[in-house]
Protein backbone atom coordinates (compact mmCIF):
# COMPACT_ATOMS: atom_id res chain seq x y z
CA MET A 1 -16.95 -4.22 -16.44
CA ARG A 2 -14.46 -5.99 -18.67
CA LEU A 3 -11.22 -7.55 -17.46
CA GLU A 4 -7.88 -7.57 -19.26
CA SER A 5 -4.56 -8.91 -17.95
CA ALA A 6 -1.13 -7.37 -18.41
CA ALA A 7 2.24 -8.79 -17.44
CA VAL A 8 4.14 -6.01 -15.67
CA GLN A 9 7.36 -5.72 -13.71
CA TYR A 10 7.35 -4.18 -10.23
CA LYS A 11 10.18 -2.19 -8.66
CA SER A 12 11.26 -5.00 -6.35
CA PRO A 13 13.12 -7.90 -8.02
CA LEU A 14 12.12 -10.11 -5.09
CA VAL A 15 8.42 -9.46 -5.73
CA ASN A 16 8.86 -10.25 -9.42
CA MET A 17 10.53 -13.53 -8.46
CA TYR A 18 7.74 -14.35 -6.02
CA LEU A 19 5.06 -13.72 -8.62
CA ASN A 20 6.73 -15.23 -11.66
CA ASP A 21 9.63 -17.48 -10.56
CA PHE A 22 8.72 -18.80 -7.11
CA PRO A 23 11.40 -21.55 -6.93
CA ARG A 24 14.06 -18.83 -6.68
CA VAL A 25 12.58 -17.55 -3.40
CA ALA A 26 10.96 -20.76 -2.10
CA HIS A 27 13.61 -21.07 0.65
CA LEU A 28 12.32 -17.82 2.19
CA PHE A 29 8.69 -18.97 2.53
CA GLU A 30 6.74 -21.99 3.75
CA HIS A 31 4.26 -22.36 0.88
CA ASP A 32 3.91 -21.75 -2.84
CA PRO A 33 0.67 -19.73 -3.18
CA ARG A 34 -0.06 -21.15 -6.63
CA ASN A 35 0.18 -24.77 -5.49
CA PRO A 36 -3.23 -26.05 -4.26
CA GLY A 37 -1.40 -28.50 -2.00
CA SER A 38 -0.04 -25.56 -0.01
CA PHE A 39 -3.49 -24.87 1.42
CA SER A 40 -3.97 -28.51 2.47
CA ASP A 41 -0.59 -28.48 4.19
CA ARG A 42 -1.41 -25.22 5.93
CA TYR A 43 -4.77 -26.59 7.12
CA ASP A 44 -3.02 -29.56 8.73
CA ILE A 45 -0.61 -27.20 10.52
CA ILE A 46 -3.50 -25.13 11.88
CA MET A 47 -5.32 -28.22 13.14
CA ARG A 48 -2.14 -29.28 14.92
CA ASP A 49 -0.86 -25.97 16.31
CA TYR A 50 -3.76 -23.54 16.78
CA HIS A 51 -4.94 -23.36 20.41
CA THR A 52 -6.72 -20.02 20.95
CA ASP A 53 -10.13 -20.25 22.63
CA ARG A 54 -12.45 -19.94 19.62
CA LYS A 55 -15.60 -19.17 21.62
CA THR A 56 -13.97 -16.27 23.40
CA LEU A 57 -12.44 -15.02 20.15
CA VAL A 58 -15.77 -15.20 18.30
CA ARG A 59 -17.60 -13.43 21.13
CA ILE A 60 -15.09 -10.54 21.10
CA LEU A 61 -15.12 -10.19 17.32
CA THR A 62 -18.91 -10.46 17.14
CA GLU A 63 -19.37 -7.66 19.67
CA TYR A 64 -16.90 -5.49 17.79
CA ASN A 65 -18.41 -6.10 14.36
CA GLU A 66 -21.89 -5.46 15.72
CA THR A 67 -20.75 -2.00 16.85
CA LEU A 68 -19.63 -1.39 13.25
CA GLN A 69 -23.13 -2.32 12.00
CA CYS A 70 -21.87 -5.30 10.03
CA GLY A 71 -23.98 -7.22 7.55
CA ASP A 72 -25.76 -10.54 8.10
CA LEU A 73 -23.10 -12.50 6.19
CA THR A 74 -20.46 -11.25 8.63
CA ARG A 75 -22.57 -12.49 11.55
CA GLN A 76 -22.94 -15.87 9.83
CA ASN A 77 -19.22 -16.11 9.19
CA LEU A 78 -18.45 -15.37 12.84
CA ARG A 79 -20.76 -18.18 13.92
CA LYS A 80 -19.01 -20.52 11.48
CA LEU A 81 -15.63 -19.58 12.96
CA GLU A 82 -16.55 -21.39 16.19
CA ALA A 83 -16.22 -24.74 14.38
CA SER A 84 -12.86 -26.40 15.05
CA ASP A 85 -12.17 -26.91 11.34
CA ALA A 86 -12.90 -23.30 10.25
CA THR A 87 -9.95 -21.23 9.09
CA VAL A 88 -9.29 -17.66 7.99
CA VAL A 89 -8.01 -15.73 4.99
CA ILE A 90 -6.89 -12.36 6.28
CA THR A 91 -5.44 -9.13 5.01
CA GLY A 92 -4.96 -5.75 6.61
CA GLN A 93 -3.95 -2.15 6.22
CA GLN A 94 -3.30 1.02 8.16
CA ALA A 95 -6.47 2.89 9.01
CA GLY A 96 -6.22 5.63 6.41
CA VAL A 97 -8.80 8.38 5.96
CA PHE A 98 -11.51 7.36 3.48
CA THR A 99 -9.84 3.87 3.46
CA GLY A 100 -6.59 5.23 1.96
CA PRO A 101 -5.29 4.11 -1.46
CA LEU A 102 -7.29 1.84 -3.75
CA TYR A 103 -5.19 -1.20 -2.87
CA THR A 104 -6.93 -1.34 0.53
CA ILE A 105 -10.12 -2.24 -1.31
CA TYR A 106 -8.31 -4.70 -3.57
CA LYS A 107 -6.82 -6.47 -0.56
CA ALA A 108 -10.26 -6.97 0.93
CA ILE A 109 -11.71 -8.21 -2.38
CA THR A 110 -8.85 -10.69 -2.79
CA ALA A 111 -9.46 -12.01 0.73
CA VAL A 112 -13.18 -12.41 0.02
CA GLN A 113 -12.54 -14.20 -3.28
CA LEU A 114 -9.85 -16.54 -1.95
CA ALA A 115 -11.93 -17.46 1.10
CA ALA A 116 -14.89 -18.31 -1.16
CA GLU A 117 -12.68 -20.33 -3.50
CA LEU A 118 -11.14 -22.36 -0.65
CA THR A 119 -14.54 -22.94 0.94
CA ALA A 120 -15.89 -24.29 -2.36
CA ARG A 121 -12.78 -26.39 -2.97
CA THR A 122 -12.53 -28.01 0.46
CA GLY A 123 -16.08 -27.96 1.80
CA ARG A 124 -14.73 -26.38 5.00
CA ASN A 125 -15.57 -22.84 6.11
CA VAL A 126 -12.89 -20.27 5.30
CA ILE A 127 -13.69 -16.81 6.66
CA PRO A 128 -12.45 -13.54 5.07
CA MET A 129 -11.05 -11.07 7.61
CA PHE A 130 -9.54 -7.60 7.59
CA TRP A 131 -6.99 -6.51 10.18
CA VAL A 132 -7.40 -2.82 11.01
CA ALA A 133 -3.86 -1.70 11.81
CA ALA A 134 -5.14 0.58 14.57
CA GLU A 135 -1.87 0.33 16.52
CA ASP A 136 0.13 2.09 13.83
CA HIS A 137 1.37 5.55 14.85
CA ASP A 138 2.77 6.87 11.56
CA PHE A 139 0.07 9.49 11.16
CA ALA A 140 1.62 11.10 8.05
CA GLU A 141 0.97 7.87 6.12
CA VAL A 142 -2.76 7.79 6.85
CA ASP A 143 -3.83 11.46 7.10
CA HIS A 144 -4.45 12.14 3.39
CA ILE A 145 -5.78 10.90 0.08
CA TYR A 146 -5.15 11.91 -3.53
CA VAL A 147 -7.96 12.64 -5.96
CA VAL A 148 -8.30 14.08 -9.46
CA ASN A 149 -10.03 17.39 -8.77
CA ARG A 150 -12.58 19.31 -10.83
CA GLU A 151 -9.77 20.86 -12.91
CA LYS A 152 -8.46 17.33 -13.69
CA ASN A 153 -5.34 17.83 -11.60
CA ILE A 154 -4.14 15.56 -8.81
CA GLU A 155 -4.89 17.08 -5.43
CA ARG A 156 -3.78 15.98 -1.98
CA ILE A 157 -6.55 16.32 0.59
CA ARG A 158 -5.13 16.10 4.10
CA LEU A 159 -6.68 15.80 7.53
CA GLU A 160 -5.57 19.00 9.25
CA HIS A 161 -4.85 17.49 12.62
CA ASP A 162 -1.60 17.17 14.57
CA PRO A 163 -1.72 14.37 17.14
CA GLY A 164 1.36 15.87 18.80
CA GLY A 165 3.25 12.61 19.29
CA LYS A 166 3.53 8.95 18.35
CA TYR A 167 -0.07 8.04 19.09
CA SER A 168 -1.76 4.99 17.62
CA VAL A 169 -4.42 5.84 15.04
CA GLY A 170 -6.87 3.90 17.17
CA HIS A 171 -6.24 6.36 19.99
CA ILE A 172 -6.70 9.54 17.90
CA PRO A 173 -10.24 10.91 18.32
CA VAL A 174 -12.56 12.01 15.56
CA THR A 175 -12.63 15.81 15.73
CA GLU A 176 -14.12 18.63 13.68
CA ALA A 177 -11.07 18.29 11.41
CA VAL A 178 -12.60 15.08 10.04
CA PHE A 179 -15.78 16.87 8.99
CA ASP A 180 -13.70 19.63 7.41
CA LEU A 181 -11.88 16.89 5.47
CA ILE A 182 -15.21 15.51 4.25
CA ARG A 183 -16.27 19.00 3.13
CA ARG A 184 -13.03 19.47 1.18
CA LEU A 185 -13.49 16.12 -0.56
CA GLU A 186 -16.97 17.28 -1.58
CA GLU A 187 -15.64 20.62 -2.86
CA ASN A 188 -12.80 19.10 -4.88
CA THR A 189 -14.70 16.37 -6.72
CA ASN A 190 -17.31 16.64 -9.44
CA PRO A 191 -21.03 16.47 -8.61
CA SER A 192 -22.70 13.12 -9.26
CA GLU A 193 -25.85 11.15 -8.59
CA TRP A 194 -24.61 9.24 -5.53
CA LYS A 195 -22.14 11.69 -4.05
CA GLY A 196 -24.45 13.45 -1.57
CA LYS A 197 -25.86 10.26 -0.04
CA ILE A 198 -22.41 8.69 0.23
CA LEU A 199 -20.91 11.71 1.97
CA ASP A 200 -23.89 11.85 4.33
CA LYS A 201 -23.23 8.21 5.23
CA VAL A 202 -19.50 8.82 5.71
CA SER A 203 -20.28 11.78 7.97
CA GLU A 204 -22.75 9.72 9.98
CA MET A 205 -20.13 7.00 10.49
CA ALA A 206 -17.60 9.61 11.61
CA ARG A 207 -20.05 11.01 14.18
CA ASN A 208 -20.57 7.49 15.55
CA SER A 209 -16.84 6.72 15.78
CA ALA A 210 -14.71 7.31 18.85
CA ASN A 211 -11.45 7.37 16.90
CA LEU A 212 -10.01 7.33 13.37
CA ALA A 213 -9.48 3.56 13.28
CA GLU A 214 -13.12 2.97 14.15
CA TRP A 215 -14.19 5.37 11.39
CA PHE A 216 -12.04 3.41 8.94
CA ALA A 217 -13.48 0.10 10.15
CA ARG A 218 -17.07 1.34 9.89
CA ILE A 219 -16.50 2.42 6.29
CA MET A 220 -14.95 -0.95 5.38
CA ALA A 221 -17.76 -2.86 7.09
CA TRP A 222 -20.30 -0.76 5.16
CA LEU A 223 -18.58 -1.21 1.79
CA PHE A 224 -18.25 -4.99 2.29
CA LYS A 225 -21.55 -5.67 4.08
CA ASP A 226 -22.59 -8.05 1.27
CA HIS A 227 -19.38 -10.10 1.45
CA GLY A 228 -19.15 -11.32 5.04
CA LEU A 229 -15.85 -9.55 5.75
CA VAL A 230 -14.97 -9.72 9.45
CA MET A 231 -13.10 -6.72 10.86
CA VAL A 232 -10.39 -7.22 13.50
CA ASN A 233 -9.04 -4.41 15.69
CA PRO A 234 -5.91 -5.46 17.64
CA LEU A 235 -6.42 -2.63 20.15
CA LEU A 236 -9.52 -4.31 21.59
CA ARG A 237 -8.68 -4.84 25.24
CA GLU A 238 -10.10 -8.37 25.40
CA LEU A 239 -8.08 -9.41 22.35
CA ARG A 240 -4.95 -8.08 24.06
CA ARG A 241 -5.64 -10.40 26.99
CA LEU A 242 -5.55 -13.37 24.62
CA TRP A 243 -2.04 -12.19 23.69
CA SER A 244 -0.49 -11.89 27.14
CA GLY A 245 1.46 -15.15 26.82
CA THR A 246 2.50 -14.28 23.26
CA PHE A 247 3.87 -10.91 24.34
CA GLU A 248 5.79 -12.52 27.20
CA GLU A 249 7.41 -14.88 24.71
CA PHE A 250 8.26 -12.01 22.36
CA LEU A 251 10.02 -10.17 25.19
CA SER A 252 11.91 -13.26 26.33
CA LYS A 253 13.21 -14.06 22.85
CA SER A 254 14.01 -10.56 21.61
CA ALA A 255 17.71 -11.29 21.02
CA PRO A 256 17.11 -14.48 18.97
CA VAL A 257 14.49 -12.59 16.90
CA SER A 258 17.12 -10.01 15.99
CA GLU A 259 19.55 -12.78 15.01
CA LYS A 260 16.95 -14.49 12.80
CA LEU A 261 16.05 -11.18 11.16
CA SER A 262 19.71 -10.42 10.42
CA ALA A 263 20.28 -13.89 8.95
CA ALA A 264 17.18 -13.58 6.75
CA ALA A 265 18.39 -10.18 5.53
CA GLY A 266 21.58 -11.90 4.39
CA LEU A 267 19.57 -14.47 2.40
CA VAL A 268 17.64 -11.68 0.70
CA ARG A 269 20.87 -9.87 -0.16
CA ASP A 270 22.16 -13.08 -1.72
CA LEU A 271 19.37 -12.60 -4.27
CA GLY A 272 20.72 -9.14 -5.10
CA VAL A 273 17.90 -7.40 -3.23
CA GLU A 274 18.04 -5.00 -0.30
CA PRO A 275 15.88 -6.18 2.63
CA GLN A 276 12.56 -4.40 3.13
CA VAL A 277 13.31 -3.92 6.81
CA GLU A 278 16.46 -4.20 8.89
CA LYS A 279 16.32 -3.26 12.56
CA ASN A 280 18.99 -2.25 15.03
CA LYS A 281 20.08 -5.46 16.76
CA ALA A 282 19.17 -3.91 20.12
CA ASN A 283 15.57 -3.39 18.94
CA VAL A 284 13.13 -5.62 20.83
CA ASN A 285 10.66 -5.44 17.91
CA MET A 286 8.01 -4.45 20.44
CA PHE A 287 6.54 -1.08 21.37
CA ILE A 288 5.52 0.04 24.82
CA TYR A 289 2.92 2.72 25.51
CA VAL A 290 4.37 5.52 27.64
CA ASN A 291 2.01 8.40 28.47
CA GLY A 292 -0.13 7.27 25.53
CA GLU A 293 2.70 7.29 22.98
CA ARG A 294 3.78 4.11 21.20
CA LEU A 295 7.54 3.98 21.66
CA PRO A 296 10.01 1.29 20.49
CA LEU A 297 11.67 -0.85 23.15
CA PHE A 298 15.43 -1.45 23.09
CA ARG A 299 17.77 -3.72 25.01
CA LEU A 300 20.08 -1.59 27.15
CA GLY A 301 22.57 -4.15 28.36
CA GLU A 302 20.82 -5.98 31.18
CA SER A 303 17.75 -3.75 31.10
CA PHE A 304 15.23 -2.42 28.58
CA GLY A 305 14.18 1.10 27.75
CA VAL A 306 12.98 3.65 25.24
CA ARG A 307 14.89 6.54 23.72
CA GLY A 308 14.73 9.88 25.43
CA GLY A 309 14.85 8.52 28.97
CA SER A 310 11.10 7.91 29.21
CA GLY A 311 11.53 4.73 31.19
CA GLU A 312 13.75 1.74 31.96
CA TRP A 313 12.70 -1.74 33.04
CA THR A 314 14.13 -5.15 33.83
CA LEU A 315 12.99 -8.14 31.82
CA GLU A 316 11.11 -9.43 34.86
CA GLU A 317 9.19 -6.15 35.13
CA LEU A 318 8.26 -6.25 31.45
CA LEU A 319 7.13 -9.87 31.66
CA ALA A 320 4.96 -9.09 34.67
CA ALA A 321 3.43 -6.12 32.84
CA ALA A 322 2.78 -8.23 29.72
CA GLY A 323 0.94 -10.78 31.83
CA GLU A 324 -1.13 -8.27 33.78
CA THR A 325 -1.66 -5.40 31.30
CA PRO A 326 -0.87 -6.63 27.76
CA ASP A 327 -2.49 -3.51 26.29
CA LEU A 328 0.71 -1.67 27.29
CA PHE A 329 2.56 -3.52 24.52
CA SER A 330 2.38 -3.65 20.75
CA PRO A 331 4.38 -5.74 18.25
CA ASN A 332 6.19 -3.99 15.43
CA VAL A 333 6.20 -4.88 11.72
CA VAL A 334 8.44 -7.90 12.39
CA LEU A 335 6.39 -9.56 15.11
CA ARG A 336 2.89 -8.38 14.16
CA PRO A 337 2.43 -11.29 11.70
CA VAL A 338 3.44 -13.83 14.35
CA ALA A 339 1.04 -12.26 16.85
CA GLN A 340 -1.70 -12.32 14.23
CA ASP A 341 -1.22 -16.03 13.61
CA ALA A 342 -1.18 -16.81 17.33
CA LEU A 343 -4.60 -15.18 17.61
CA LEU A 344 -6.32 -16.48 14.46
CA PRO A 345 -6.36 -19.75 12.47
CA ILE A 346 -4.90 -18.18 9.34
CA THR A 347 -4.69 -20.21 6.15
CA ALA A 348 -3.46 -17.33 3.99
CA TYR A 349 -2.43 -13.72 4.33
CA ILE A 350 -3.23 -11.45 1.38
CA ALA A 351 -0.09 -9.39 0.80
CA GLY A 352 0.76 -6.46 -1.41
CA PRO A 353 4.19 -6.22 -3.08
CA GLY A 354 5.77 -4.46 -0.10
CA GLU A 355 4.41 -7.01 2.36
CA ILE A 356 5.74 -9.90 0.27
CA SER A 357 9.19 -8.37 0.73
CA TYR A 358 8.60 -8.12 4.49
CA TYR A 359 7.43 -11.72 4.81
CA ALA A 360 10.56 -12.90 2.97
CA LEU A 361 12.40 -12.12 6.23
CA TYR A 362 10.07 -13.86 8.66
CA ARG A 363 10.06 -17.63 8.02
CA ASP A 364 12.58 -18.50 10.74
CA ILE A 365 11.12 -15.94 13.14
CA TYR A 366 7.82 -17.84 12.95
CA ARG A 367 9.69 -21.07 13.65
CA LEU A 368 11.38 -19.53 16.68
CA PHE A 369 7.92 -19.35 18.25
CA ASN A 370 6.92 -22.88 17.12
CA GLN A 371 4.72 -21.49 14.37
CA ARG A 372 4.76 -21.72 10.60
CA MET A 373 4.22 -18.87 8.18
CA PRO A 374 0.81 -19.06 6.42
CA VAL A 375 0.41 -19.02 2.67
CA ILE A 376 1.40 -15.54 1.52
CA TYR A 377 -1.06 -14.90 -1.28
CA PRO A 378 -0.49 -11.90 -3.59
CA ARG A 379 -3.34 -9.42 -3.65
CA ALA A 380 -4.93 -8.52 -6.97
CA ASN A 381 -3.11 -5.62 -8.63
CA ILE A 382 -5.64 -3.51 -10.52
CA SER A 383 -5.84 -0.40 -12.69
CA LEU A 384 -9.31 1.03 -13.35
CA LEU A 385 -9.82 2.38 -16.87
CA GLU A 386 -12.76 4.65 -17.56
CA PRO A 387 -14.10 4.66 -21.15
CA GLY A 388 -12.48 7.91 -22.33
CA ILE A 389 -9.10 7.01 -20.86
CA ALA A 390 -9.19 3.50 -22.34
CA ARG A 391 -10.18 4.89 -25.75
CA ASN A 392 -7.29 7.37 -25.78
CA MET A 393 -4.80 4.76 -24.61
CA LYS A 394 -5.83 2.51 -27.48
CA GLU A 395 -5.72 5.35 -30.03
CA TYR A 396 -2.17 6.37 -29.09
CA GLY A 397 -0.83 2.87 -28.49
CA ILE A 398 -0.20 3.38 -24.76
CA VAL A 399 0.59 0.11 -23.00
CA LEU A 400 0.25 -0.25 -19.22
CA ALA A 401 3.33 -2.46 -18.91
CA GLU A 402 5.53 0.31 -20.37
CA GLY A 403 4.62 2.58 -17.46
CA ILE A 404 4.97 6.33 -17.37
CA ASP A 405 8.18 6.28 -19.42
CA GLY A 406 6.29 4.61 -22.24
CA LEU A 407 3.52 7.20 -21.92
CA HIS A 408 6.04 10.04 -22.25
CA ARG A 409 7.70 8.39 -25.25
CA LYS A 410 4.35 8.03 -27.00
CA LEU A 411 3.56 11.69 -26.35
CA GLN A 412 6.91 12.73 -27.80
CA ILE A 413 6.24 10.65 -30.91
CA GLN A 414 2.83 12.29 -31.32
CA LEU A 415 4.31 15.77 -30.90
CA GLU A 416 7.05 15.03 -33.42
CA ASP A 417 4.47 13.79 -35.93
CA ARG A 418 2.69 17.14 -35.63
CA ASP A 419 5.90 19.19 -35.92
CA VAL A 420 5.60 20.54 -39.49
CA ILE A 421 8.77 22.69 -39.29
CA GLY A 422 11.00 20.02 -37.74
CA ILE A 423 12.01 21.98 -34.65
CA ASP A 424 14.90 19.81 -33.47
CA THR A 425 16.30 19.20 -36.96
CA MET A 426 16.17 22.92 -37.68
CA PHE A 427 17.79 23.92 -34.40
CA ASP A 428 20.42 21.16 -34.53
CA ALA A 429 21.52 22.35 -37.98
CA TYR A 430 21.54 26.03 -37.02
CA VAL A 431 23.41 25.44 -33.74
CA ALA A 432 26.07 23.43 -35.60
CA GLU A 433 26.33 26.16 -38.25
CA VAL A 434 26.65 28.93 -35.63
CA GLU A 435 29.20 26.94 -33.64
CA GLN A 436 31.41 26.33 -36.65
CA SER A 437 31.10 29.91 -37.94
CA TYR A 438 31.77 31.44 -34.52
CA ARG A 439 34.85 29.28 -33.94
CA ASN A 440 36.26 30.43 -37.28
CA PHE A 441 35.55 33.99 -36.19
CA ILE A 442 37.37 33.41 -32.86
CA LEU A 443 40.42 32.18 -34.74
CA LYS A 444 40.49 35.32 -36.87
CA ALA A 445 39.82 37.73 -34.01
CA ALA A 446 42.00 36.16 -31.33
CA GLY A 447 44.86 34.84 -33.39
CA THR A 448 47.22 33.09 -31.01
CA ASP A 449 46.20 35.06 -27.91
CA LYS A 450 44.99 32.37 -25.46
CA GLU A 451 43.19 34.89 -23.26
CA LEU A 452 41.07 36.17 -26.17
CA THR A 453 40.39 32.60 -27.27
CA ARG A 454 39.05 31.81 -23.78
CA HIS A 455 36.78 34.86 -23.88
CA GLY A 456 35.60 33.83 -27.33
CA GLU A 457 34.69 30.32 -26.10
CA GLU A 458 32.77 31.79 -23.16
CA SER A 459 30.89 34.07 -25.56
CA LEU A 460 30.08 31.06 -27.77
CA GLY A 461 28.75 29.17 -24.76
CA LYS A 462 26.39 32.03 -23.94
CA LEU A 463 25.21 32.18 -27.53
CA ILE A 464 24.54 28.42 -27.62
CA TYR A 465 22.68 28.74 -24.28
CA GLN A 466 20.41 31.42 -25.80
CA LEU A 467 19.75 29.26 -28.85
CA GLU A 468 18.83 26.30 -26.64
CA TYR A 469 16.53 28.58 -24.63
CA PHE A 470 14.88 29.62 -27.91
CA ARG A 471 14.55 25.91 -28.85
CA LYS A 472 12.83 25.24 -25.52
CA LYS A 473 10.38 28.13 -26.07
CA THR A 474 9.69 26.94 -29.63
CA ARG A 475 8.89 23.45 -28.30
CA GLN A 476 6.59 24.94 -25.67
CA CYS A 477 4.70 26.91 -28.34
CA HIS A 478 4.37 23.76 -30.45
CA ARG A 479 3.16 21.82 -27.42
CA LYS A 480 0.62 24.56 -26.71
CA SER A 481 -0.62 24.33 -30.29
CA CYS A 482 -1.24 20.62 -29.55
CA ASP A 483 -3.19 21.44 -26.42
CA THR A 484 -5.91 18.80 -26.93
CA LEU A 485 -3.33 16.06 -27.43
CA VAL A 486 -1.29 17.11 -24.39
CA SER A 487 -4.44 17.38 -22.29
CA ARG A 488 -5.41 13.82 -23.19
CA PHE A 489 -1.97 12.51 -22.23
CA ASN A 490 -2.05 14.47 -18.97
CA ASN A 491 -5.43 12.95 -18.13
CA ILE A 492 -4.07 9.46 -18.82
CA GLU A 493 -1.05 10.14 -16.63
CA ASN A 494 -3.14 11.52 -13.76
CA GLN A 495 -5.58 8.62 -13.89
CA VAL A 496 -3.35 5.63 -14.72
CA PHE A 497 0.18 6.62 -13.63
CA PRO A 498 -0.43 9.30 -10.96
CA ARG A 499 2.64 10.72 -9.27
CA ASN A 500 4.81 8.35 -11.31
CA ASN A 501 3.23 5.37 -9.57
CA TRP A 502 0.58 2.71 -10.03
CA GLN A 503 -2.97 4.03 -9.78
CA GLU A 504 -3.80 1.64 -6.92
CA ARG A 505 -1.05 3.13 -4.75
CA VAL A 506 -2.24 6.74 -5.10
CA HIS A 507 -5.93 7.16 -5.87
CA ASN A 508 -8.82 6.57 -3.51
CA ILE A 509 -12.05 4.60 -4.01
CA PHE A 510 -14.51 7.38 -3.16
CA PRO A 511 -14.41 9.36 -6.43
CA PHE A 512 -15.33 6.11 -8.19
CA LEU A 513 -18.15 5.46 -5.71
CA PHE A 514 -19.45 8.99 -6.27
CA LYS A 515 -19.55 8.36 -10.00
CA TYR A 516 -20.70 4.73 -10.18
CA GLY A 517 -22.45 4.09 -6.86
CA THR A 518 -21.59 1.78 -3.94
CA ASP A 519 -22.46 -1.31 -6.00
CA PHE A 520 -19.15 -0.59 -7.74
CA ILE A 521 -17.47 -2.69 -4.99
CA ASN A 522 -19.78 -5.63 -5.69
CA GLU A 523 -19.09 -5.40 -9.42
CA LEU A 524 -15.35 -5.49 -8.80
CA ALA A 525 -15.76 -8.44 -6.43
CA ARG A 526 -17.58 -10.42 -9.14
CA LEU A 527 -14.61 -10.24 -11.53
CA PRO A 528 -12.30 -13.31 -11.74
CA LEU A 529 -9.24 -11.69 -10.17
CA LEU A 530 -7.40 -14.78 -8.91
CA ASP A 531 -6.68 -16.59 -12.19
CA ASN A 532 -3.06 -15.45 -12.40
CA ASN A 533 -0.55 -12.97 -10.99
CA ASP A 534 -0.86 -10.52 -13.88
CA HIS A 535 -1.84 -6.91 -13.34
CA LYS A 536 -5.56 -6.52 -14.05
CA LEU A 537 -6.97 -3.73 -16.20
CA VAL A 538 -10.63 -3.24 -15.35
CA HIS A 539 -12.52 -1.47 -18.13
CA ILE A 540 -15.45 0.31 -16.48
């Protein structure tokens, strides 16, 4: 593999500021991720403020990771976590089928690399972890992947299962639909040397999993068995018990959390950016499980409830429930990071562009709970370029930073260069000639009769419409005559800019594993991905 960097702009101005002009957003965060001193400061905060029982935590996580058949390095890292000076670099993602988009893998690799770098720099153990967002109930976000199929078109492969409500992914069982999904992935991707063995392994892990989040976690543990990645599932009942006091505090301070979130949204707007999240001020930023469904809690005057009349409680009742049965509660996107930091000694969180925008709203929410936000470290942004794609991009001058618009411009230039008759020049001249001639004809035929003049103009409009239709068909025939060229550009678009997006946000890792083997992960992890914030082009 060969690495190349490219400076690109992302859709969010706030993310671009964070990556390239941190002083402009420094007031929204606690630490500059590119300043080595930030990690020393964060370590001191952890040593002062972190109080969770490490032995209990390590026992719970060890038992869980053992069920996932983790590697020896993961076991070693969990033993190291018992030391009072050990800290964590963590990232996380929803438990998508087949691990979801490529950026899930890149998050994990960034966590592994940053943990290793900090360990080497400080001489203290820094453990890479992955938070399996098993609580999440937005099933439509995790039930599918996109692949380039055997016909070189992008295909959406979806898990044909309807959970029938707002159920956490970690509560949705593995059913026959999962094995049908695996079969359809096999049918829609090209044969390769490693494909059969990999799919057999994926099927085996599905059979051994009680739910979709466990299947996700098993796959991640398998892919990163050589890197010591520790998996964390927040739905583990014993972990929830460690959170009972945290959840009580969340419930007690729900109104101040809403005020802090609203104030932070104002600071983000002052930068000319719309906040990534803005909740109803009555939102408690906690969910409660009612008949298995994860439903948002709201303040209803002096009481609390969920929409649809599924229950109503006093604050005292909720606090008692949080103390006795904390697994009834779940933090939302606003409080999940605070809960995460209460549980683990987190030096840095590896965040994608969207998460950076979320964290920009949370600094004072952390402080409300006597915590400090960890270092928010940007994950590696990567585009994988296979040899044929890279060769064609170079031949036609296609630049990643110009995005899909640049790709389309380059295609148009290539088509124009091959247009021997000058389609647009020819049609422009003829349309202008017809328009002028027809208007002269209208003047002669209609004279001063306004009604006939109007009919003449309508007739001209229809004639011009037909000429433009003929132009369109002529272009299509020319494009068809350049079929090889167009096919190459379509392949580039499907591989590098699929669905008008970055590759890492659409495509899945498994087609690459089928083609290059599972060591593909290790090869990616050996690349120097943390040198700068540029987008990385990985030439395979």
